[in-house]
Structure formats: structure tokens, C-alpha cells
């Protein structure tokens, strides 16, 4: 029970982000994820085209 009480005590000290900060951070995560998905997708396509070219010639 002492552990649970200390958890609640520490949770009261947390500074929670505001709604606008949450929206901003969500957009950052979504845009970063999209960027890496496109980057890795293009890299995969380039390697696939290269392997296909090498295997047919």
C-alpha cells in the first residue's frame, strides 16, 4: 500500500501538457511517421527495382 501511495504522490507532481501541446505533439508524431514510411517505402522500391533488374539481365 505504501508503494501505491507514493505513486499517487508522484503523480500529483507531474506537469501535464495542455490540449494545444498535445495536438502539436500528435502532429509531429504523425508527420514524422509519414516521412519515415515514405522514405523507407521509396528505399524498398529502389532496392526491389535494382534486384529485379539484376536478376533479369
PDB file of N, CA and C in Angstrom:
ATOM      1  N   UNK A   1       0.826  -1.200   0.000  1.00  0.00           N
ATOM      2  CA  UNK A   1       0.000   0.000   0.000  1.00  0.00           C
ATOM      3  C   UNK A   1       0.862   1.253   0.000  1.00  0.00           C
ATOM      4  N   UNK A   2       2.021   1.152   0.620  1.00  0.00           N
ATOM      5  CA  UNK A   2       2.909   2.315   0.670  1.00  0.00           C
ATOM      6  C   UNK A   2       3.368   2.696  -0.741  1.00  0.00           C
ATOM      7  N   UNK A   3       3.626   1.674  -1.565  1.00  0.00           N
ATOM      8  CA  UNK A   3       4.046   1.923  -2.949  1.00  0.00           C
ATOM      9  C   UNK A   3       2.958   2.677  -3.708  1.00  0.00           C
ATOM     10  N   UNK A   4       1.705   2.239  -3.566  1.00  0.00           N
ATOM     11  CA  UNK A   4       0.587   2.888  -4.259  1.00  0.00           C
ATOM     12  C   UNK A   4       0.471   4.347  -3.813  1.00  0.00           C
ATOM     13  N   UNK A   5       0.630   4.586  -2.524  1.00  0.00           N
ATOM     14  CA  UNK A   5       0.553   5.956  -2.006  1.00  0.00           C
ATOM     15  C   UNK A   5       1.668   6.820  -2.589  1.00  0.00           C
ATOM     16  N   UNK A   6       2.861   6.242  -2.725  1.00  0.00           N
ATOM     17  CA  UNK A   6       3.972   7.023  -3.291  1.00  0.00           C
ATOM     18  C   UNK A   6       3.754   7.288  -4.778  1.00  0.00           C
ATOM     19  N   UNK A   7       3.107   6.353  -5.476  1.00  0.00           N
ATOM     20  CA  UNK A   7       2.789   6.565  -6.888  1.00  0.00           C
ATOM     21  C   UNK A   7       1.835   7.748  -7.024  1.00  0.00           C
ATOM     22  N   UNK A   8       0.781   7.783  -6.224  1.00  0.00           N
ATOM     23  CA  UNK A   8      -0.167   8.900  -6.265  1.00  0.00           C
ATOM     24  C   UNK A   8       0.507  10.220  -5.903  1.00  0.00           C
ATOM     25  N   UNK A   9       1.416  10.168  -4.960  1.00  0.00           N
ATOM     26  CA  UNK A   9       2.135  11.383  -4.563  1.00  0.00           C
ATOM     27  C   UNK A   9       2.992  11.906  -5.716  1.00  0.00           C
ATOM     28  N   UNK A  10       3.673  11.019  -6.409  1.00  0.00           N
ATOM     29  CA  UNK A  10       4.487  11.438  -7.544  1.00  0.00           C
ATOM     30  C   UNK A  10       3.625  11.924  -8.710  1.00  0.00           C
ATOM     31  N   UNK A  11       2.463  11.304  -8.917  1.00  0.00           N
ATOM     32  CA  UNK A  11       1.573  11.720  -9.999  1.00  0.00           C
ATOM     33  C   UNK A  11       1.058  13.142  -9.791  1.00  0.00           C
ATOM     34  N   UNK A  12       0.930  13.573  -8.552  1.00  0.00           N
ATOM     35  CA  UNK A  12       0.499  14.946  -8.282  1.00  0.00           C
ATOM     36  C   UNK A  12       1.576  15.951  -8.680  1.00  0.00           C
ATOM     37  N   UNK A  13       2.835  15.517  -8.750  1.00  0.00           N
ATOM     38  CA  UNK A  13       3.949  16.406  -9.100  1.00  0.00           C
ATOM     39  C   UNK A  13       4.130  16.559 -10.613  1.00  0.00           C
ATOM     40  N   UNK A  14       3.469  15.713 -11.378  1.00  0.00           N
ATOM     41  CA  UNK A  14       3.641  15.719 -12.831  1.00  0.00           C
ATOM     42  C   UNK A  14       3.015  16.967 -13.435  1.00  0.00           C
ATOM     43  N   UNK A  15       3.724  17.581 -14.369  1.00  0.00           N
ATOM     44  CA  UNK A  15       3.181  18.709 -15.120  1.00  0.00           C
ATOM     45  C   UNK A  15       2.642  18.153 -16.431  1.00  0.00           C
ATOM     46  N   UNK A  16       1.328  18.105 -16.563  1.00  0.00           N
ATOM     47  CA  UNK A  16       0.704  17.516 -17.733  1.00  0.00           C
ATOM     48  C   UNK A  16       0.657  18.531 -18.866  1.00  0.00           C
ATOM     49  N   UNK A  17       0.838  18.082 -20.115  1.00  0.00           N
ATOM     50  CA  UNK A  17       0.779  19.013 -21.246  1.00  0.00           C
ATOM     51  C   UNK A  17      -0.638  19.542 -21.447  1.00  0.00           C
ATOM     52  N   UNK A  18      -0.711  20.746 -22.014  1.00  0.00           N
ATOM     53  CA  UNK A  18      -2.015  21.339 -22.305  1.00  0.00           C
ATOM     54  C   UNK A  18      -2.598  20.672 -23.560  1.00  0.00           C
ATOM     55  N   UNK A  19      -3.847  20.986 -23.847  1.00  0.00           N
ATOM     56  CA  UNK A  19      -4.505  20.421 -25.030  1.00  0.00           C
ATOM     57  C   UNK A  19      -3.772  20.827 -26.304  1.00  0.00           C
ATOM     58  N   UNK A  20      -3.385  22.100 -26.401  1.00  0.00           N
ATOM     59  CA  UNK A  20      -2.705  22.562 -27.619  1.00  0.00           C
ATOM     60  C   UNK A  20      -1.332  21.914 -27.768  1.00  0.00           C
ATOM     61  N   UNK A  21      -0.648  21.672 -26.659  1.00  0.00           N
ATOM     62  CA  UNK A  21       0.632  20.956 -26.732  1.00  0.00           C
ATOM     63  C   UNK A  21       0.420  19.525 -27.207  1.00  0.00           C
ATOM     64  N   UNK A  22      -0.625  18.884 -26.719  1.00  0.00           N
ATOM     65  CA  UNK A  22      -0.931  17.515 -27.155  1.00  0.00           C
ATOM     66  C   UNK A  22      -1.231  17.467 -28.644  1.00  0.00           C
ATOM     67  N   UNK A  23      -1.997  18.434 -29.128  1.00  0.00           N
ATOM     68  CA  UNK A  23      -2.312  18.484 -30.565  1.00  0.00           C
ATOM     69  C   UNK A  23      -1.034  18.672 -31.359  1.00  0.00           C
ATOM     70  N   UNK A  24      -0.180  19.584 -30.921  1.00  0.00           N
ATOM     71  CA  UNK A  24       1.098  19.845 -31.611  1.00  0.00           C
ATOM     72  C   UNK A  24       1.971  18.599 -31.636  1.00  0.00           C
ATOM     73  N   UNK A  25       2.109  17.926 -30.497  1.00  0.00           N
ATOM     74  CA  UNK A  25       2.950  16.734 -30.429  1.00  0.00           C
ATOM     75  C   UNK A  25       2.368  15.598 -31.276  1.00  0.00           C
ATOM     76  N   UNK A  26       1.050  15.519 -31.330  1.00  0.00           N
ATOM     77  CA  UNK A  26       0.418  14.494 -32.158  1.00  0.00           C
ATOM     78  C   UNK A  26       0.743  14.724 -33.626  1.00  0.00           C
ATOM     79  N   UNK A  27       0.663  15.974 -34.087  1.00  0.00           N
ATOM     80  CA  UNK A  27       1.012  16.285 -35.479  1.00  0.00           C
ATOM     81  C   UNK A  27       2.474  15.972 -35.769  1.00  0.00           C
ATOM     82  N   UNK A  28       3.344  16.275 -34.820  1.00  0.00           N
ATOM     83  CA  UNK A  28       4.766  15.987 -35.009  1.00  0.00           C
ATOM     84  C   UNK A  28       4.980  14.485 -35.181  1.00  0.00           C
ATOM     85  N   UNK A  29       4.331  13.683 -34.352  1.00  0.00           N
ATOM     86  CA  UNK A  29       4.462  12.229 -34.448  1.00  0.00           C
ATOM     87  C   UNK A  29       3.907  11.725 -35.774  1.00  0.00           C
ATOM     88  N   UNK A  30       2.736  12.215 -36.183  1.00  0.00           N
ATOM     89  CA  UNK A  30       2.130  11.767 -37.435  1.00  0.00           C
ATOM     90  C   UNK A  30       2.984  12.145 -38.643  1.00  0.00           C
ATOM     91  N   UNK A  31       3.476  13.379 -38.676  1.00  0.00           N
ATOM     92  CA  UNK A  31       4.297  13.812 -39.807  1.00  0.00           C
ATOM     93  C   UNK A  31       5.637  13.077 -39.849  1.00  0.00           C
ATOM     94  N   UNK A  32       6.237  12.867 -38.691  1.00  0.00           N
ATOM     95  CA  UNK A  32       7.499  12.120 -38.646  1.00  0.00           C
ATOM     96  C   UNK A  32       7.285  10.677 -39.099  1.00  0.00           C
ATOM     97  N   UNK A  33       6.205  10.063 -38.657  1.00  0.00           N
ATOM     98  CA  UNK A  33       5.898   8.691 -39.064  1.00  0.00           C
ATOM     99  C   UNK A  33       5.655   8.608 -40.564  1.00  0.00           C
ATOM    100  N   UNK A  34       4.921   9.564 -41.114  1.00  0.00           N
ATOM    101  CA  UNK A  34       4.660   9.582 -42.559  1.00  0.00           C
ATOM    102  C   UNK A  34       5.958   9.770 -43.330  1.00  0.00           C
ATOM    103  N   UNK A  35       6.817  10.667 -42.857  1.00  0.00           N
ATOM    104  CA  UNK A  35       8.103  10.902 -43.521  1.00  0.00           C
ATOM    105  C   UNK A  35       8.927   9.615 -43.591  1.00  0.00           C
ATOM    106  N   UNK A  36       9.048   8.923 -42.457  1.00  0.00           N
ATOM    107  CA  UNK A  36       9.849   7.697 -42.447  1.00  0.00           C
ATOM    108  C   UNK A  36       9.179   6.582 -43.244  1.00  0.00           C
ATOM    109  N   UNK A  37       7.856   6.504 -43.225  1.00  0.00           N
ATOM    110  CA  UNK A  37       7.163   5.494 -44.024  1.00  0.00           C
ATOM    111  C   UNK A  37       7.424   5.718 -45.506  1.00  0.00           C
ATOM    112  N   UNK A  38       7.349   6.956 -45.948  1.00  0.00           N
ATOM    113  CA  UNK A  38       7.609   7.271 -47.362  1.00  0.00           C
ATOM    114  C   UNK A  38       9.078   7.015 -47.700  1.00  0.00           C
ATOM    115  N   UNK A  39       9.981   7.440 -46.827  1.00  0.00           N
ATOM    116  CA  UNK A  39      11.416   7.243 -47.068  1.00  0.00           C
ATOM    117  C   UNK A  39      11.755   5.764 -47.182  1.00  0.00           C
ATOM    118  N   UNK A  40      11.303   4.961 -46.229  1.00  0.00           N
ATOM    119  CA  UNK A  40      11.613   3.533 -46.273  1.00  0.00           C
ATOM    120  C   UNK A  40      10.872   2.832 -47.407  1.00  0.00           C
ATOM    121  N   UNK A  41       9.672   3.290 -47.721  1.00  0.00           N
ATOM    122  CA  UNK A  41       8.944   2.723 -48.851  1.00  0.00           C
ATOM    123  C   UNK A  41       9.662   2.974 -50.165  1.00  0.00           C
ATOM    124  N   UNK A  42      10.167   4.192 -50.346  1.00  0.00           N
ATOM    125  CA  UNK A  42      10.929   4.506 -51.556  1.00  0.00           C
ATOM    126  C   UNK A  42      12.234   3.715 -51.611  1.00  0.00           C
ATOM    127  N   UNK A  43      12.933   3.602 -50.503  1.00  0.00           N
ATOM    128  CA  UNK A  43      14.174   2.824 -50.464  1.00  0.00           C
ATOM    129  C   UNK A  43      13.891   1.365 -50.803  1.00  0.00           C
ATOM    130  N   UNK A  44      12.820   0.817 -50.273  1.00  0.00           N
ATOM    131  CA  UNK A  44      12.438  -0.564 -50.566  1.00  0.00           C
ATOM    132  C   UNK A  44      12.142  -0.727 -52.053  1.00  0.00           C
ATOM    133  N   UNK A  45      11.422   0.215 -52.622  1.00  0.00           N
ATOM    134  CA  UNK A  45      11.086   0.149 -54.047  1.00  0.00           C
ATOM    135  C   UNK A  45      12.344   0.217 -54.914  1.00  0.00           C
ATOM    136  N   UNK A  46      13.277   1.123 -54.555  1.00  0.00           N
ATOM    137  CA  UNK A  46      14.521   1.249 -55.321  1.00  0.00           C
ATOM    138  C   UNK A  46      15.318  -0.059 -55.262  1.00  0.00           C
ATOM    139  N   UNK A  47      15.447  -0.642 -54.072  1.00  0.00           N
ATOM    140  CA  UNK A  47      16.177  -1.901 -53.955  1.00  0.00           C
ATOM    141  C   UNK A  47      15.469  -3.021 -54.713  1.00  0.00           C
ATOM    142  N   UNK A  48      14.155  -3.048 -54.648  1.00  0.00           N
ATOM    143  CA  UNK A  48      13.391  -4.071 -55.376  1.00  0.00           C
ATOM    144  C   UNK A  48      13.616  -3.933 -56.874  1.00  0.00           C
ATOM    145  N   UNK A  49      13.586  -2.710 -57.380  1.00  0.00           N
ATOM    146  CA  UNK A  49      13.829  -2.486 -58.806  1.00  0.00           C
ATOM    147  C   UNK A  49      15.250  -2.901 -59.182  1.00  0.00           C
ATOM    148  N   UNK A  50      16.214  -2.609 -58.327  1.00  0.00           N
ATOM    149  CA  UNK A  50      17.599  -2.987 -58.593  1.00  0.00           C
ATOM    150  C   UNK A  50      17.787  -4.480 -58.624  1.00  0.00           C
ATOM    151  N   UNK A  51      17.193  -5.181 -57.690  1.00  0.00           N
ATOM    152  CA  UNK A  51      17.312  -6.652 -57.639  1.00  0.00           C
ATOM    153  C   UNK A  51      16.601  -7.261 -58.837  1.00  0.00           C
ATOM    154  N   UNK A  52      15.437  -6.739 -59.199  1.00  0.00           N
ATOM    155  CA  UNK A  52      14.702  -7.238 -60.369  1.00  0.00           C
ATOM    156  C   UNK A  52      15.530  -7.007 -61.629  1.00  0.00           C
ATOM    157  N   UNK A  53      16.149  -5.856 -61.757  1.00  0.00           N
ATOM    158  CA  UNK A  53      16.972  -5.545 -62.928  1.00  0.00           C
ATOM    159  C   UNK A  53      18.167  -6.493 -63.011  1.00  0.00           C
ATOM    160  N   UNK A  54      18.826  -6.720 -61.867  1.00  0.00           N
ATOM    161  CA  UNK A  54      19.992  -7.594 -61.862  1.00  0.00           C
ATOM    162  C   UNK A  54      19.633  -9.049 -62.137  1.00  0.00           C
ATOM    163  N   UNK A  55      18.472  -9.489 -61.680  1.00  0.00           N
ATOM    164  CA  UNK A  55      18.091 -10.897 -61.878  1.00  0.00           C
ATOM    165  C   UNK A  55      17.595 -11.172 -63.284  1.00  0.00           C
ATOM    166  N   UNK A  56      17.181 -10.148 -64.020  1.00  0.00           N
ATOM    167  CA  UNK A  56      16.691 -10.379 -65.385  1.00  0.00           C
ATOM    168  C   UNK A  56      17.774 -10.147 -66.438  1.00  0.00           C
ATOM    169  N   UNK A  57      18.909  -9.627 -66.037  1.00  0.00           N
ATOM    170  CA  UNK A  57      19.979  -9.378 -67.011  1.00  0.00           C
ATOM    171  C   UNK A  57      21.198 -10.204 -66.736  1.00  0.00           C
TER     172      UNK A  57
END
